[in-house]
Amino acid sequence: MASHSGDKKLIYKIAKAYYLDNLTQQDIGHRFGLSRVKVSRLLQQARDDGVVKIAVIPPPGTFGDLERQLETKYGLHEVVVVSPARYDRANIVRELGQAASDCLMRSLQGHETVGMSWGTTLRAVVDALPSRNWPQLTVVQTAGGLGRPEAEVYGSDLVRRAAQALGGRWRVITAPGIVASQLARDALLADTHIAETLAMAAAADVALVGLGAITAESVVLQASTLLTEQQIAEIKRRGMVGDIGLRFYDAEGRPIEHEVNQRIIALDLDQLRRIPRVIGVAGGPDKVESIRAALRGSLINVLVTDDRTATRLLHD
């Protein structure tokens, strides 16, 4: 540590040369007759002694502090918060789609495998994707389809559209997400194409997922004919607050044990958790509990949401 005024004066001169005059550490060493290692140590001493204080100021109209607090609270890689012009469902989804598209594009170099589920919010992400020419990139479906094959929010169409926008390849699961029996599920998983597609999804570099909540607008409720109202009620009684690609979880992000799991063709939550970067996109008051549970269970490590939802996740 500096022990007299001469040392303190030298620390000040070096700090000023580095931070205000923009000299390199090598230039400073030459100027003051010091080794580069010594310059580095004195710069660190300047910060330790309060000679240098660094302030990072968020741009106006952004949520840098709120994002940072959420990242710290839940141990996330990144949080992206948007402020919609209006808080109706359609506008929130559109704003989240653009923000998540930007977040995804920053994560890609053009040679990755991108896993993708389905849903209304992910359709907004795909709608916002820019055009690229990345022939080495692959977009792969993480869960079998739901509903009508032509429905644009149900998986294979979103995967195909995303890959076309990015100039890459696509791989879809040629099977429903929920089948009638475990025997049917096992037979489909024995198909080489389906098994290889799920293996590819499990090995993805990045996953883009929606966080579902069982509401009247839920894609699962609207599309699936193989989950009865009684079964949905049973899953809710066991503590279900949300789902990612047909994998239901409780308030702590733990999988719900139920017979339906034996009829699902999709990545499970442990497989999802092992993907290096999992971007969860969700917002609005009906999604708060689903998002919070996914964060508690470390099911995602990047969150794109709106400012009101973010504030509730931080303080509730």
Protein backbone atom coordinates (compact mmCIF):
# COMPACT_ATOMS: atom_id res chain seq x y z
CA MET A 1 0.00 0.00 0.00
CA ALA A 2 1.07 3.61 -0.53
CA SER A 3 2.81 4.84 2.61
CA HIS A 4 3.85 8.44 1.82
CA SER A 5 2.94 11.40 -0.36
CA GLY A 6 5.40 10.47 -3.11
CA ASP A 7 3.71 7.15 -3.72
CA LYS A 8 0.28 8.77 -3.64
CA LYS A 9 1.39 11.42 -6.09
CA LEU A 10 2.72 8.76 -8.48
CA ILE A 11 -0.53 6.80 -8.24
CA TYR A 12 -2.47 9.95 -9.11
CA LYS A 13 -0.25 10.72 -12.12
CA ILE A 14 -0.54 7.18 -13.45
CA ALA A 15 -4.30 7.11 -12.97
CA LYS A 16 -4.69 10.43 -14.78
CA ALA A 17 -2.47 9.27 -17.65
CA TYR A 18 -4.47 6.06 -18.04
CA TYR A 19 -8.06 7.22 -17.53
CA LEU A 20 -7.94 10.82 -18.79
CA ASP A 21 -5.05 10.89 -21.27
CA ASN A 22 -5.88 7.42 -22.65
CA LEU A 23 -2.28 6.23 -22.57
CA THR A 24 -1.66 2.48 -22.62
CA GLN A 25 -0.04 0.76 -19.66
CA GLN A 26 3.04 0.20 -21.82
CA ASP A 27 3.22 3.93 -22.66
CA ILE A 28 2.84 4.85 -18.99
CA GLY A 29 5.58 2.43 -17.99
CA HIS A 30 7.95 3.95 -20.56
CA ARG A 31 7.07 7.48 -19.44
CA PHE A 32 7.59 6.88 -15.73
CA GLY A 33 10.30 4.22 -15.89
CA LEU A 34 8.10 1.43 -14.55
CA SER A 35 7.38 -2.13 -15.62
CA ARG A 36 3.95 -2.85 -17.09
CA VAL A 37 3.24 -5.11 -14.09
CA LYS A 38 4.02 -2.26 -11.73
CA VAL A 39 1.72 0.08 -13.66
CA SER A 40 -1.10 -2.44 -13.43
CA ARG A 41 -0.61 -2.77 -9.67
CA LEU A 42 -0.62 1.00 -9.16
CA LEU A 43 -3.82 1.36 -11.21
CA GLN A 44 -5.45 -1.24 -8.98
CA GLN A 45 -4.13 0.67 -5.94
CA ALA A 46 -5.73 3.83 -7.33
CA ARG A 47 -9.11 2.09 -7.35
CA ASP A 48 -8.58 0.56 -3.91
CA ASP A 49 -7.60 3.93 -2.39
CA GLY A 50 -10.50 5.80 -3.99
CA VAL A 51 -8.28 7.90 -6.25
CA VAL A 52 -10.29 6.45 -9.14
CA LYS A 53 -14.04 5.95 -8.85
CA ILE A 54 -15.83 4.41 -11.82
CA ALA A 55 -19.48 5.18 -12.47
CA VAL A 56 -21.59 3.37 -15.08
CA ILE A 57 -24.62 5.49 -15.99
CA PRO A 58 -27.58 3.77 -17.67
CA PRO A 59 -28.97 5.58 -20.73
CA PRO A 60 -32.26 7.43 -20.17
CA GLY A 61 -35.36 5.33 -20.71
CA THR A 62 -33.64 2.01 -20.01
CA PHE A 63 -33.83 -0.39 -17.08
CA GLY A 64 -30.18 -1.23 -16.44
CA ASP A 65 -30.46 -1.17 -12.65
CA LEU A 66 -33.65 -3.24 -12.59
CA GLU A 67 -32.10 -5.76 -14.97
CA ARG A 68 -28.95 -5.98 -12.87
CA GLN A 69 -30.95 -6.50 -9.65
CA LEU A 70 -32.92 -9.33 -11.22
CA GLU A 71 -29.76 -10.92 -12.59
CA THR A 72 -28.25 -10.86 -9.11
CA LYS A 73 -31.38 -12.07 -7.30
CA TYR A 74 -31.93 -15.09 -9.54
CA GLY A 75 -28.38 -15.81 -10.72
CA LEU A 76 -29.17 -15.09 -14.37
CA HIS A 77 -26.76 -14.47 -17.22
CA GLU A 78 -28.88 -11.62 -18.52
CA VAL A 79 -32.24 -9.88 -18.13
CA VAL A 80 -33.75 -7.69 -20.85
CA VAL A 81 -36.62 -5.44 -19.75
CA VAL A 82 -38.87 -3.51 -22.13
CA SER A 83 -41.50 -0.87 -21.47
CA PRO A 84 -44.47 -1.34 -23.81
CA ALA A 85 -46.34 1.71 -25.03
CA ARG A 86 -49.54 -0.04 -23.89
CA TYR A 87 -50.00 -2.99 -21.54
CA ASP A 88 -52.58 -4.89 -23.51
CA ARG A 89 -51.60 -8.47 -24.33
CA ALA A 90 -50.99 -7.93 -28.05
CA ASN A 91 -48.69 -4.96 -27.50
CA ILE A 92 -46.69 -6.69 -24.75
CA VAL A 93 -46.17 -9.73 -26.97
CA ARG A 94 -45.04 -7.60 -29.91
CA GLU A 95 -42.52 -5.64 -27.80
CA LEU A 96 -41.18 -8.81 -26.19
CA GLY A 97 -40.80 -10.39 -29.62
CA GLN A 98 -38.58 -7.59 -30.89
CA ALA A 99 -36.46 -7.51 -27.72
CA ALA A 100 -36.03 -11.29 -27.69
CA SER A 101 -35.10 -11.26 -31.38
CA ASP A 102 -32.36 -8.72 -30.65
CA CYS A 103 -31.17 -10.77 -27.66
CA LEU A 104 -31.05 -13.96 -29.71
CA MET A 105 -29.14 -12.35 -32.56
CA ARG A 106 -26.47 -11.12 -30.14
CA SER A 107 -26.04 -14.74 -29.02
CA LEU A 108 -25.33 -16.10 -32.49
CA GLN A 109 -22.31 -16.18 -34.76
CA GLY A 110 -23.97 -18.18 -37.54
CA HIS A 111 -22.92 -21.77 -36.86
CA GLU A 112 -24.97 -22.68 -33.77
CA THR A 113 -27.84 -25.04 -33.14
CA VAL A 114 -30.87 -23.15 -31.81
CA GLY A 115 -33.59 -25.08 -29.98
CA MET A 116 -37.06 -23.62 -30.18
CA SER A 117 -40.44 -24.36 -28.61
CA TRP A 118 -43.68 -22.72 -29.75
CA GLY A 119 -46.37 -20.26 -28.75
CA THR A 120 -47.75 -16.80 -29.42
CA THR A 121 -44.77 -14.93 -27.95
CA LEU A 122 -42.26 -16.98 -29.93
CA ARG A 123 -44.24 -16.25 -33.09
CA ALA A 124 -43.60 -12.55 -32.34
CA VAL A 125 -39.88 -13.32 -31.98
CA VAL A 126 -39.81 -15.06 -35.36
CA ASP A 127 -41.74 -12.17 -36.95
CA ALA A 128 -39.01 -9.79 -35.74
CA LEU A 129 -35.97 -11.79 -36.91
CA PRO A 130 -33.73 -10.02 -39.42
CA SER A 131 -32.50 -11.68 -42.61
CA ARG A 132 -29.16 -13.48 -42.47
CA ASN A 133 -27.25 -15.94 -44.63
CA TRP A 134 -26.06 -18.54 -42.15
CA PRO A 135 -26.07 -21.94 -43.90
CA GLN A 136 -24.23 -23.55 -40.96
CA LEU A 137 -26.93 -22.59 -38.44
CA THR A 138 -29.66 -25.08 -37.54
CA VAL A 139 -33.00 -24.38 -35.85
CA VAL A 140 -34.48 -27.46 -34.18
CA GLN A 141 -37.84 -28.12 -32.55
CA THR A 142 -37.69 -28.98 -28.83
CA ALA A 143 -41.24 -30.34 -28.43
CA GLY A 144 -43.69 -32.09 -30.70
CA GLY A 145 -46.54 -30.17 -32.23
CA LEU A 146 -49.94 -29.17 -30.91
CA GLY A 147 -53.18 -28.61 -32.73
CA ARG A 148 -53.61 -28.21 -36.45
CA PRO A 149 -50.44 -28.73 -38.50
CA GLU A 150 -51.05 -25.45 -40.33
CA ALA A 151 -51.40 -23.39 -37.13
CA GLU A 152 -48.60 -20.86 -37.08
CA VAL A 153 -47.86 -20.89 -33.34
CA TYR A 154 -47.50 -24.65 -32.89
CA GLY A 155 -43.85 -25.48 -33.57
CA SER A 156 -42.76 -26.81 -36.92
CA ASP A 157 -43.90 -23.73 -38.82
CA LEU A 158 -42.07 -21.41 -36.42
CA VAL A 159 -38.90 -23.48 -36.68
CA ARG A 160 -39.06 -23.45 -40.47
CA ARG A 161 -39.76 -19.70 -40.63
CA ALA A 162 -36.93 -18.89 -38.19
CA ALA A 163 -34.45 -20.97 -40.18
CA GLN A 164 -35.54 -19.37 -43.45
CA ALA A 165 -35.12 -15.87 -42.00
CA LEU A 166 -31.61 -16.70 -40.82
CA GLY A 167 -30.62 -18.55 -43.97
CA GLY A 168 -30.04 -21.78 -42.08
CA ARG A 169 -31.34 -25.32 -41.87
CA TRP A 170 -34.27 -26.64 -39.84
CA ARG A 171 -35.13 -29.87 -38.14
CA VAL A 172 -38.66 -30.62 -36.92
CA ILE A 173 -40.25 -33.35 -34.81
CA THR A 174 -42.70 -35.19 -37.03
CA ALA A 175 -44.98 -36.14 -34.14
CA PRO A 176 -47.52 -34.58 -31.77
CA GLY A 177 -46.32 -33.22 -28.46
CA ILE A 178 -48.83 -35.36 -26.55
CA VAL A 179 -49.93 -38.79 -27.75
CA ALA A 180 -52.67 -41.13 -26.59
CA SER A 181 -50.55 -43.63 -24.64
CA GLN A 182 -47.07 -44.45 -23.39
CA LEU A 183 -46.97 -47.27 -25.93
CA ALA A 184 -47.55 -44.79 -28.74
CA ARG A 185 -44.90 -42.44 -27.30
CA ASP A 186 -42.33 -45.24 -27.07
CA ALA A 187 -43.03 -46.32 -30.64
CA LEU A 188 -42.53 -42.78 -31.93
CA LEU A 189 -39.32 -42.33 -29.92
CA ALA A 190 -38.01 -45.50 -31.57
CA ASP A 191 -38.20 -43.69 -34.91
CA THR A 192 -34.66 -42.69 -35.90
CA HIS A 193 -35.59 -39.25 -37.20
CA ILE A 194 -37.54 -38.29 -34.06
CA ALA A 195 -34.87 -39.64 -31.72
CA GLU A 196 -32.10 -37.82 -33.60
CA THR A 197 -34.07 -34.57 -33.64
CA LEU A 198 -34.60 -34.66 -29.87
CA ALA A 199 -30.91 -35.49 -29.35
CA MET A 200 -29.98 -32.52 -31.53
CA ALA A 201 -32.31 -30.28 -29.51
CA ALA A 202 -30.78 -31.48 -26.24
CA ALA A 203 -27.31 -30.57 -27.55
CA ALA A 204 -28.35 -27.08 -28.71
CA ASP A 205 -26.10 -24.09 -28.04
CA VAL A 206 -29.05 -21.75 -27.45
CA ALA A 207 -32.72 -22.40 -26.69
CA LEU A 208 -35.57 -19.96 -27.16
CA VAL A 209 -38.64 -20.84 -25.10
CA GLY A 210 -41.96 -19.43 -24.03
CA LEU A 211 -43.13 -19.76 -20.44
CA GLY A 212 -46.70 -21.00 -20.33
CA ALA A 213 -49.41 -20.43 -17.78
CA ILE A 214 -52.65 -22.39 -17.83
CA THR A 215 -55.10 -19.63 -18.65
CA ALA A 216 -58.00 -19.39 -21.10
CA GLU A 217 -55.49 -18.16 -23.72
CA SER A 218 -53.06 -21.02 -23.14
CA VAL A 219 -51.83 -22.68 -26.32
CA VAL A 220 -51.95 -26.03 -24.51
CA LEU A 221 -55.62 -25.64 -23.59
CA GLN A 222 -56.63 -24.29 -26.96
CA ALA A 223 -54.84 -26.90 -29.04
CA SER A 224 -54.56 -30.20 -27.22
CA THR A 225 -57.33 -32.77 -27.45
CA LEU A 226 -55.37 -35.29 -25.41
CA LEU A 227 -55.43 -33.45 -22.08
CA THR A 228 -58.87 -33.59 -20.50
CA GLU A 229 -60.22 -30.96 -18.13
CA GLN A 230 -59.95 -33.54 -15.35
CA GLN A 231 -56.27 -34.18 -16.09
CA ILE A 232 -55.53 -30.46 -16.20
CA ALA A 233 -57.29 -30.08 -12.84
CA GLU A 234 -55.17 -32.94 -11.43
CA ILE A 235 -51.95 -31.32 -12.66
CA LYS A 236 -53.00 -28.02 -11.08
CA ARG A 237 -53.76 -29.75 -7.75
CA ARG A 238 -50.23 -31.10 -7.75
CA GLY A 239 -48.93 -27.54 -7.78
CA MET A 240 -48.44 -26.72 -11.44
CA VAL A 241 -47.88 -23.02 -12.14
CA GLY A 242 -46.43 -23.17 -15.66
CA ASP A 243 -44.94 -25.15 -18.48
CA ILE A 244 -42.11 -25.00 -20.98
CA GLY A 245 -42.81 -27.01 -24.09
CA LEU A 246 -45.37 -29.28 -22.36
CA ARG A 247 -43.14 -29.93 -19.35
CA PHE A 248 -45.18 -28.78 -16.34
CA TYR A 249 -43.50 -27.42 -13.22
CA ASP A 250 -44.42 -26.23 -9.72
CA ALA A 251 -43.68 -22.97 -7.88
CA GLU A 252 -40.05 -24.01 -7.32
CA GLY A 253 -39.50 -25.03 -10.93
CA ARG A 254 -39.67 -28.74 -10.17
CA PRO A 255 -41.34 -31.12 -12.64
CA ILE A 256 -44.90 -32.18 -11.85
CA GLU A 257 -45.25 -35.93 -11.53
CA HIS A 258 -48.23 -37.11 -13.55
CA GLU A 259 -49.18 -39.85 -15.97
CA VAL A 260 -49.16 -37.38 -18.86
CA ASN A 261 -45.35 -37.24 -18.70
CA GLN A 262 -45.28 -40.75 -20.13
CA ARG A 263 -47.13 -39.50 -23.21
CA ILE A 264 -45.06 -36.41 -24.03
CA ILE A 265 -42.57 -36.09 -26.88
CA ALA A 266 -40.33 -33.21 -25.88
CA LEU A 267 -37.14 -32.34 -24.05
CA ASP A 268 -37.53 -32.71 -20.30
CA LEU A 269 -36.65 -29.95 -17.86
CA ASP A 270 -33.25 -31.41 -16.95
CA GLN A 271 -32.27 -31.53 -20.62
CA LEU A 272 -33.40 -27.94 -21.06
CA ARG A 273 -31.44 -26.81 -18.01
CA ARG A 274 -28.22 -28.23 -19.48
CA ILE A 275 -28.38 -26.09 -22.61
CA PRO A 276 -25.77 -23.31 -22.16
CA ARG A 277 -28.03 -20.35 -22.95
CA VAL A 278 -31.80 -20.66 -22.47
CA ILE A 279 -33.72 -17.49 -23.33
CA GLY A 280 -37.16 -17.37 -21.74
CA VAL A 281 -39.60 -14.86 -23.22
CA ALA A 282 -42.73 -13.96 -21.27
CA GLY A 283 -44.55 -11.01 -19.74
CA GLY A 284 -47.84 -9.72 -18.44
CA PRO A 285 -49.57 -10.22 -15.09
CA ASP A 286 -50.78 -13.73 -15.91
CA LYS A 287 -47.21 -14.95 -16.41
CA VAL A 288 -45.58 -13.69 -13.19
CA GLU A 289 -45.86 -16.93 -11.21
CA SER A 290 -44.80 -19.05 -14.16
CA ILE A 291 -41.72 -16.86 -14.73
CA ARG A 292 -40.79 -16.75 -11.05
CA ALA A 293 -40.99 -20.53 -10.78
CA ALA A 294 -38.81 -20.99 -13.88
CA LEU A 295 -36.23 -18.63 -12.36
CA ARG A 296 -36.27 -20.43 -9.02
CA GLY A 297 -35.74 -23.76 -10.77
CA SER A 298 -32.95 -22.38 -12.99
CA LEU A 299 -34.90 -23.56 -16.03
CA ILE A 300 -33.78 -20.48 -17.96
CA ASN A 301 -30.72 -18.26 -17.58
CA VAL A 302 -31.80 -15.32 -19.75
CA LEU A 303 -35.13 -13.54 -19.28
CA VAL A 304 -36.88 -11.13 -21.64
CA THR A 305 -39.88 -9.49 -19.98
CA ASP A 306 -41.73 -6.20 -19.44
CA ASP A 307 -40.98 -3.64 -16.75
CA ARG A 308 -44.11 -4.21 -14.65
CA THR A 309 -43.50 -7.95 -14.55
CA ALA A 310 -39.81 -7.39 -13.77
CA THR A 311 -40.70 -5.13 -10.84
CA ARG A 312 -43.05 -7.75 -9.40
CA LEU A 313 -40.41 -10.47 -9.80
CA LEU A 314 -37.97 -8.32 -7.87
CA HIS A 315 -40.21 -7.18 -5.01
CA ASP A 316 -43.14 -9.58 -4.54
